[in-house]
């Protein structure tokens, strides 16, 4: 029974060591291949000493880009109801089913 415990401990130790090696390898790869973060508002940071009109122009360009993206998105999406669906109303089958549900009538056999 002692050998079973010893083999289990050796196996558990090897698993832990393997996980630690993988962890350190991932950390090393991330540090070597990681992309350095740039300042978020680099354009605004560069324009701090510049003319306020240029800053307004940058904000205007961002607003136009956002409005264009929203317009494209709204144009490409399909409307929820088409004109034909709204004009049709209920079919006789739907009317019968709703009446049966509202008045709790049993189905005919």
N, C-alpha and C. Protein backbone atom coordinates (compact mmCIF):
# COMPACT_ATOMS: atom_id res chain seq x y z
N UNK A 1 0.82 -1.19 0.00
CA UNK A 1 0.00 0.00 0.00
C UNK A 1 0.87 1.25 0.00
N UNK A 2 2.06 1.14 0.56
CA UNK A 2 2.97 2.29 0.59
C UNK A 2 3.43 2.68 -0.79
N UNK A 3 3.59 1.70 -1.68
CA UNK A 3 4.04 2.02 -3.04
C UNK A 3 2.96 2.76 -3.82
N UNK A 4 1.70 2.48 -3.52
CA UNK A 4 0.61 3.17 -4.20
C UNK A 4 0.64 4.65 -3.86
N UNK A 5 0.83 4.98 -2.57
CA UNK A 5 0.91 6.38 -2.15
C UNK A 5 2.12 7.06 -2.77
N UNK A 6 3.24 6.36 -2.79
CA UNK A 6 4.46 6.94 -3.32
C UNK A 6 4.29 7.23 -4.83
N UNK A 7 3.70 6.29 -5.58
CA UNK A 7 3.48 6.50 -7.01
C UNK A 7 2.49 7.65 -7.23
N UNK A 8 1.46 7.75 -6.41
CA UNK A 8 0.48 8.83 -6.53
C UNK A 8 1.12 10.18 -6.26
N UNK A 9 1.96 10.27 -5.22
CA UNK A 9 2.64 11.53 -4.91
C UNK A 9 3.61 11.92 -6.03
N UNK A 10 4.33 10.95 -6.56
CA UNK A 10 5.25 11.26 -7.66
C UNK A 10 4.46 11.75 -8.87
N UNK A 11 3.34 11.11 -9.19
CA UNK A 11 2.51 11.55 -10.32
C UNK A 11 1.96 12.94 -10.11
N UNK A 12 1.45 13.22 -8.91
CA UNK A 12 0.91 14.54 -8.61
C UNK A 12 2.01 15.59 -8.69
N UNK A 13 3.18 15.25 -8.18
CA UNK A 13 4.32 16.19 -8.25
C UNK A 13 4.71 16.48 -9.69
N UNK A 14 4.73 15.44 -10.54
CA UNK A 14 5.07 15.66 -11.94
C UNK A 14 4.03 16.53 -12.64
N UNK A 15 2.77 16.36 -12.32
CA UNK A 15 1.72 17.19 -12.91
C UNK A 15 1.91 18.65 -12.49
N UNK A 16 2.19 18.88 -11.21
CA UNK A 16 2.38 20.25 -10.73
C UNK A 16 3.60 20.88 -11.37
N UNK A 17 4.69 20.14 -11.45
CA UNK A 17 5.90 20.66 -12.08
C UNK A 17 5.63 20.97 -13.56
N UNK A 18 4.92 20.08 -14.25
CA UNK A 18 4.59 20.33 -15.65
C UNK A 18 3.75 21.58 -15.84
N UNK A 19 2.77 21.78 -14.96
CA UNK A 19 1.94 22.98 -15.05
C UNK A 19 2.76 24.25 -14.79
N UNK A 20 3.69 24.18 -13.84
CA UNK A 20 4.55 25.34 -13.56
C UNK A 20 5.44 25.65 -14.75
N UNK A 21 5.99 24.63 -15.39
CA UNK A 21 6.84 24.85 -16.57
C UNK A 21 6.03 25.49 -17.69
N UNK A 22 4.82 24.99 -17.92
CA UNK A 22 3.96 25.59 -18.95
C UNK A 22 3.62 27.04 -18.62
N UNK A 23 3.35 27.30 -17.34
CA UNK A 23 3.03 28.67 -16.92
C UNK A 23 4.20 29.61 -17.20
N UNK A 24 5.41 29.20 -16.85
CA UNK A 24 6.57 30.05 -17.08
C UNK A 24 6.85 30.23 -18.58
N UNK A 25 6.62 29.19 -19.37
CA UNK A 25 6.81 29.31 -20.81
C UNK A 25 5.82 30.30 -21.42
N UNK A 26 4.55 30.25 -20.96
CA UNK A 26 3.56 31.20 -21.47
C UNK A 26 3.92 32.62 -21.06
N UNK A 27 4.38 32.80 -19.83
CA UNK A 27 4.78 34.12 -19.36
C UNK A 27 5.94 34.66 -20.19
N UNK A 28 6.89 33.82 -20.49
CA UNK A 28 8.05 34.22 -21.29
C UNK A 28 7.62 34.60 -22.71
N UNK A 29 6.73 33.80 -23.32
CA UNK A 29 6.25 34.11 -24.66
C UNK A 29 5.47 35.42 -24.70
N UNK A 30 4.67 35.67 -23.68
CA UNK A 30 3.89 36.91 -23.64
C UNK A 30 4.81 38.10 -23.51
N UNK A 31 5.83 38.00 -22.69
CA UNK A 31 6.76 39.12 -22.52
C UNK A 31 7.59 39.37 -23.77
N UNK A 32 7.96 38.31 -24.47
CA UNK A 32 8.79 38.48 -25.66
C UNK A 32 7.99 38.96 -26.86
N UNK A 33 6.77 38.49 -27.01
CA UNK A 33 5.98 38.83 -28.19
C UNK A 33 4.88 39.84 -27.93
N UNK A 34 4.77 40.34 -26.71
CA UNK A 34 3.71 41.28 -26.37
C UNK A 34 3.87 42.60 -27.08
N UNK A 35 2.73 43.23 -27.41
CA UNK A 35 2.74 44.53 -28.08
C UNK A 35 2.69 45.60 -27.00
N UNK A 36 3.55 46.57 -27.14
CA UNK A 36 3.57 47.67 -26.18
C UNK A 36 2.32 48.51 -26.36
N UNK A 37 1.72 48.94 -25.27
CA UNK A 37 0.51 49.75 -25.34
C UNK A 37 0.88 51.18 -25.70
N UNK A 38 0.14 51.71 -26.66
CA UNK A 38 0.30 53.11 -27.06
C UNK A 38 -0.69 53.94 -26.24
N UNK A 39 -0.41 55.22 -26.07
CA UNK A 39 -1.39 56.06 -25.38
C UNK A 39 -2.70 56.06 -26.14
N UNK A 40 -3.79 56.03 -25.41
CA UNK A 40 -5.11 55.91 -26.03
C UNK A 40 -5.44 57.11 -26.91
N UNK A 41 -5.18 58.28 -26.42
CA UNK A 41 -5.50 59.49 -27.18
C UNK A 41 -4.22 60.15 -27.65
N UNK A 42 -3.44 59.43 -28.43
CA UNK A 42 -2.17 59.96 -28.89
C UNK A 42 -2.38 61.19 -29.76
N UNK A 43 -3.42 61.14 -30.61
CA UNK A 43 -3.70 62.28 -31.47
C UNK A 43 -4.03 63.52 -30.65
N UNK A 44 -4.81 63.35 -29.58
CA UNK A 44 -5.14 64.48 -28.73
C UNK A 44 -3.93 64.93 -27.92
N UNK A 45 -3.08 63.99 -27.50
CA UNK A 45 -1.88 64.35 -26.76
C UNK A 45 -0.94 65.17 -27.64
N UNK A 46 -0.86 64.83 -28.92
CA UNK A 46 -0.01 65.59 -29.83
C UNK A 46 -0.58 66.97 -30.11
N UNK A 47 -1.90 67.10 -30.05
CA UNK A 47 -2.53 68.37 -30.38
C UNK A 47 -2.71 69.29 -29.18
N UNK A 48 -2.26 68.90 -28.00
CA UNK A 48 -2.47 69.72 -26.81
C UNK A 48 -1.87 71.11 -26.96
N UNK A 49 -0.70 71.19 -27.59
CA UNK A 49 -0.05 72.48 -27.76
C UNK A 49 -0.44 73.16 -29.06
N UNK A 50 -1.29 72.51 -29.85
CA UNK A 50 -1.66 73.02 -31.16
C UNK A 50 -2.87 73.93 -31.05
N UNK A 51 -3.36 74.31 -32.20
CA UNK A 51 -4.51 75.21 -32.33
C UNK A 51 -5.79 74.51 -31.89
N UNK A 52 -6.66 75.15 -31.11
CA UNK A 52 -7.93 74.52 -30.72
C UNK A 52 -8.81 74.17 -31.92
N UNK A 53 -8.65 74.85 -33.04
CA UNK A 53 -9.44 74.54 -34.22
C UNK A 53 -9.10 73.14 -34.74
N UNK A 54 -7.83 72.74 -34.62
CA UNK A 54 -7.43 71.42 -35.07
C UNK A 54 -8.05 70.34 -34.17
N UNK A 55 -8.15 70.63 -32.88
CA UNK A 55 -8.78 69.69 -31.95
C UNK A 55 -10.26 69.55 -32.29
N UNK A 56 -10.93 70.68 -32.59
CA UNK A 56 -12.33 70.63 -32.98
C UNK A 56 -12.51 69.85 -34.28
N UNK A 57 -11.57 70.01 -35.20
CA UNK A 57 -11.63 69.28 -36.46
C UNK A 57 -11.52 67.78 -36.21
N UNK A 58 -10.65 67.39 -35.29
CA UNK A 58 -10.49 65.97 -34.96
C UNK A 58 -11.78 65.42 -34.35
N UNK A 59 -12.39 66.17 -33.44
CA UNK A 59 -13.66 65.74 -32.85
C UNK A 59 -14.76 65.65 -33.91
N UNK A 60 -14.75 66.60 -34.84
CA UNK A 60 -15.75 66.58 -35.91
C UNK A 60 -15.57 65.35 -36.78
N UNK A 61 -14.34 65.00 -37.11
CA UNK A 61 -14.08 63.81 -37.92
C UNK A 61 -14.54 62.54 -37.21
N UNK A 62 -14.31 62.46 -35.91
CA UNK A 62 -14.76 61.29 -35.15
C UNK A 62 -16.29 61.21 -35.13
N UNK A 63 -16.97 62.37 -35.00
CA UNK A 63 -18.43 62.38 -34.98
C UNK A 63 -18.99 61.96 -36.34
N UNK A 64 -18.36 62.43 -37.41
CA UNK A 64 -18.82 62.05 -38.75
C UNK A 64 -18.63 60.55 -38.97
N UNK A 65 -17.50 60.01 -38.52
CA UNK A 65 -17.24 58.58 -38.67
C UNK A 65 -18.27 57.75 -37.89
N UNK A 66 -18.59 58.19 -36.68
CA UNK A 66 -19.57 57.46 -35.88
C UNK A 66 -20.96 57.53 -36.51
N UNK A 67 -21.34 58.70 -37.01
CA UNK A 67 -22.65 58.85 -37.65
C UNK A 67 -22.75 58.00 -38.91
N UNK A 68 -21.68 57.94 -39.67
CA UNK A 68 -21.67 57.12 -40.88
C UNK A 68 -21.82 55.64 -40.53
N UNK A 69 -21.11 55.20 -39.51
CA UNK A 69 -21.21 53.79 -39.10
C UNK A 69 -22.62 53.45 -38.66
N UNK A 70 -23.26 54.34 -37.91
CA UNK A 70 -24.63 54.09 -37.46
C UNK A 70 -25.60 54.07 -38.64
N UNK A 71 -25.40 54.98 -39.61
CA UNK A 71 -26.29 55.02 -40.77
C UNK A 71 -26.16 53.75 -41.60
N UNK A 72 -24.93 53.26 -41.77
CA UNK A 72 -24.74 52.02 -42.53
C UNK A 72 -25.39 50.86 -41.80
N UNK A 73 -25.26 50.81 -40.49
CA UNK A 73 -25.82 49.72 -39.71
C UNK A 73 -27.35 49.74 -39.77
N UNK A 74 -27.94 50.92 -39.67
CA UNK A 74 -29.40 51.02 -39.73
C UNK A 74 -29.93 50.70 -41.12
N UNK A 75 -29.20 51.06 -42.14
CA UNK A 75 -29.65 50.80 -43.50
C UNK A 75 -29.59 49.32 -43.84
N UNK A 76 -28.60 48.63 -43.30
CA UNK A 76 -28.44 47.22 -43.64
C UNK A 76 -29.35 46.30 -42.83
N UNK A 77 -29.90 46.79 -41.73
CA UNK A 77 -30.78 45.94 -40.92
C UNK A 77 -32.17 45.91 -41.53
N UNK A 78 -32.80 44.74 -41.47
CA UNK A 78 -34.14 44.57 -42.02
C UNK A 78 -35.17 45.08 -41.02
N UNK A 79 -36.26 45.68 -41.51
CA UNK A 79 -37.30 46.12 -40.59
C UNK A 79 -37.98 44.92 -39.94
N UNK A 80 -38.54 45.15 -38.77
CA UNK A 80 -39.16 44.07 -38.01
C UNK A 80 -40.43 43.58 -38.71
N UNK A 81 -41.27 44.49 -39.11
CA UNK A 81 -42.51 44.13 -39.80
C UNK A 81 -42.49 44.69 -41.20
N UNK A 82 -42.90 43.91 -42.15
CA UNK A 82 -43.04 44.41 -43.50
C UNK A 82 -44.45 44.96 -43.67
N UNK A 83 -44.67 45.70 -44.73
CA UNK A 83 -45.99 46.28 -44.96
C UNK A 83 -47.03 45.19 -45.19
N UNK A 84 -46.65 44.12 -45.87
CA UNK A 84 -47.59 43.05 -46.17
C UNK A 84 -48.05 42.37 -44.89
N UNK A 85 -47.13 42.14 -43.94
CA UNK A 85 -47.50 41.50 -42.68
C UNK A 85 -48.45 42.36 -41.87
N UNK A 86 -48.23 43.67 -41.85
CA UNK A 86 -49.08 44.52 -41.03
C UNK A 86 -50.47 44.67 -41.65
N UNK A 87 -50.62 44.54 -42.99
CA UNK A 87 -51.92 44.69 -43.63
C UNK A 87 -52.77 43.42 -43.53
N UNK A 88 -52.12 42.27 -43.40
CA UNK A 88 -52.86 41.01 -43.42
C UNK A 88 -53.71 40.80 -42.19
N UNK A 89 -53.26 41.16 -41.02
CA UNK A 89 -54.01 40.91 -39.81
C UNK A 89 -53.94 39.43 -39.44
N UNK A 90 -54.98 38.94 -38.77
CA UNK A 90 -55.02 37.54 -38.34
C UNK A 90 -55.62 36.66 -39.42
N UNK A 91 -55.07 35.48 -39.54
CA UNK A 91 -55.68 34.49 -40.42
C UNK A 91 -56.81 33.82 -39.67
N UNK A 92 -57.73 33.18 -40.35
CA UNK A 92 -58.82 32.48 -39.65
C UNK A 92 -58.30 31.44 -38.66
N UNK A 93 -57.24 30.76 -39.02
CA UNK A 93 -56.68 29.74 -38.13
C UNK A 93 -56.17 30.37 -36.84
N UNK A 94 -55.48 31.53 -36.96
CA UNK A 94 -54.98 32.21 -35.77
C UNK A 94 -56.12 32.73 -34.92
N UNK A 95 -57.18 33.24 -35.55
CA UNK A 95 -58.32 33.73 -34.79
C UNK A 95 -59.00 32.63 -34.00
N UNK A 96 -59.17 31.47 -34.62
CA UNK A 96 -59.79 30.33 -33.93
C UNK A 96 -58.93 29.88 -32.75
N UNK A 97 -57.62 29.80 -32.96
CA UNK A 97 -56.73 29.37 -31.88
C UNK A 97 -56.77 30.35 -30.72
N UNK A 98 -56.77 31.64 -31.03
CA UNK A 98 -56.81 32.63 -29.94
C UNK A 98 -58.14 32.60 -29.19
N UNK A 99 -59.23 32.41 -29.91
CA UNK A 99 -60.52 32.34 -29.24
C UNK A 99 -60.57 31.12 -28.32
N UNK A 100 -60.04 29.99 -28.79
CA UNK A 100 -60.01 28.78 -27.98
C UNK A 100 -59.17 28.99 -26.72
N UNK A 101 -58.05 29.69 -26.88
CA UNK A 101 -57.19 29.94 -25.72
C UNK A 101 -57.85 30.89 -24.73
N UNK A 102 -58.50 31.94 -25.23
CA UNK A 102 -59.10 32.91 -24.35
C UNK A 102 -60.29 32.35 -23.59
N UNK A 103 -61.08 31.51 -24.24
CA UNK A 103 -62.28 30.98 -23.60
C UNK A 103 -62.07 29.58 -23.04
N UNK A 104 -60.84 29.09 -23.13
CA UNK A 104 -60.46 27.80 -22.57
C UNK A 104 -61.38 26.68 -23.07
N UNK A 105 -61.58 26.66 -24.36
CA UNK A 105 -62.44 25.64 -24.98
C UNK A 105 -61.61 24.43 -25.31
N UNK A 106 -62.16 23.22 -25.12
CA UNK A 106 -61.41 22.01 -25.51
C UNK A 106 -61.40 21.85 -27.03
N UNK A 107 -60.43 21.13 -27.53
CA UNK A 107 -60.34 20.87 -28.97
C UNK A 107 -61.40 19.87 -29.39
N UNK A 108 -61.91 20.04 -30.59
CA UNK A 108 -62.89 19.08 -31.12
C UNK A 108 -62.15 17.91 -31.71
N UNK A 109 -62.76 16.74 -31.56
CA UNK A 109 -62.14 15.53 -32.10
C UNK A 109 -62.86 15.03 -33.31
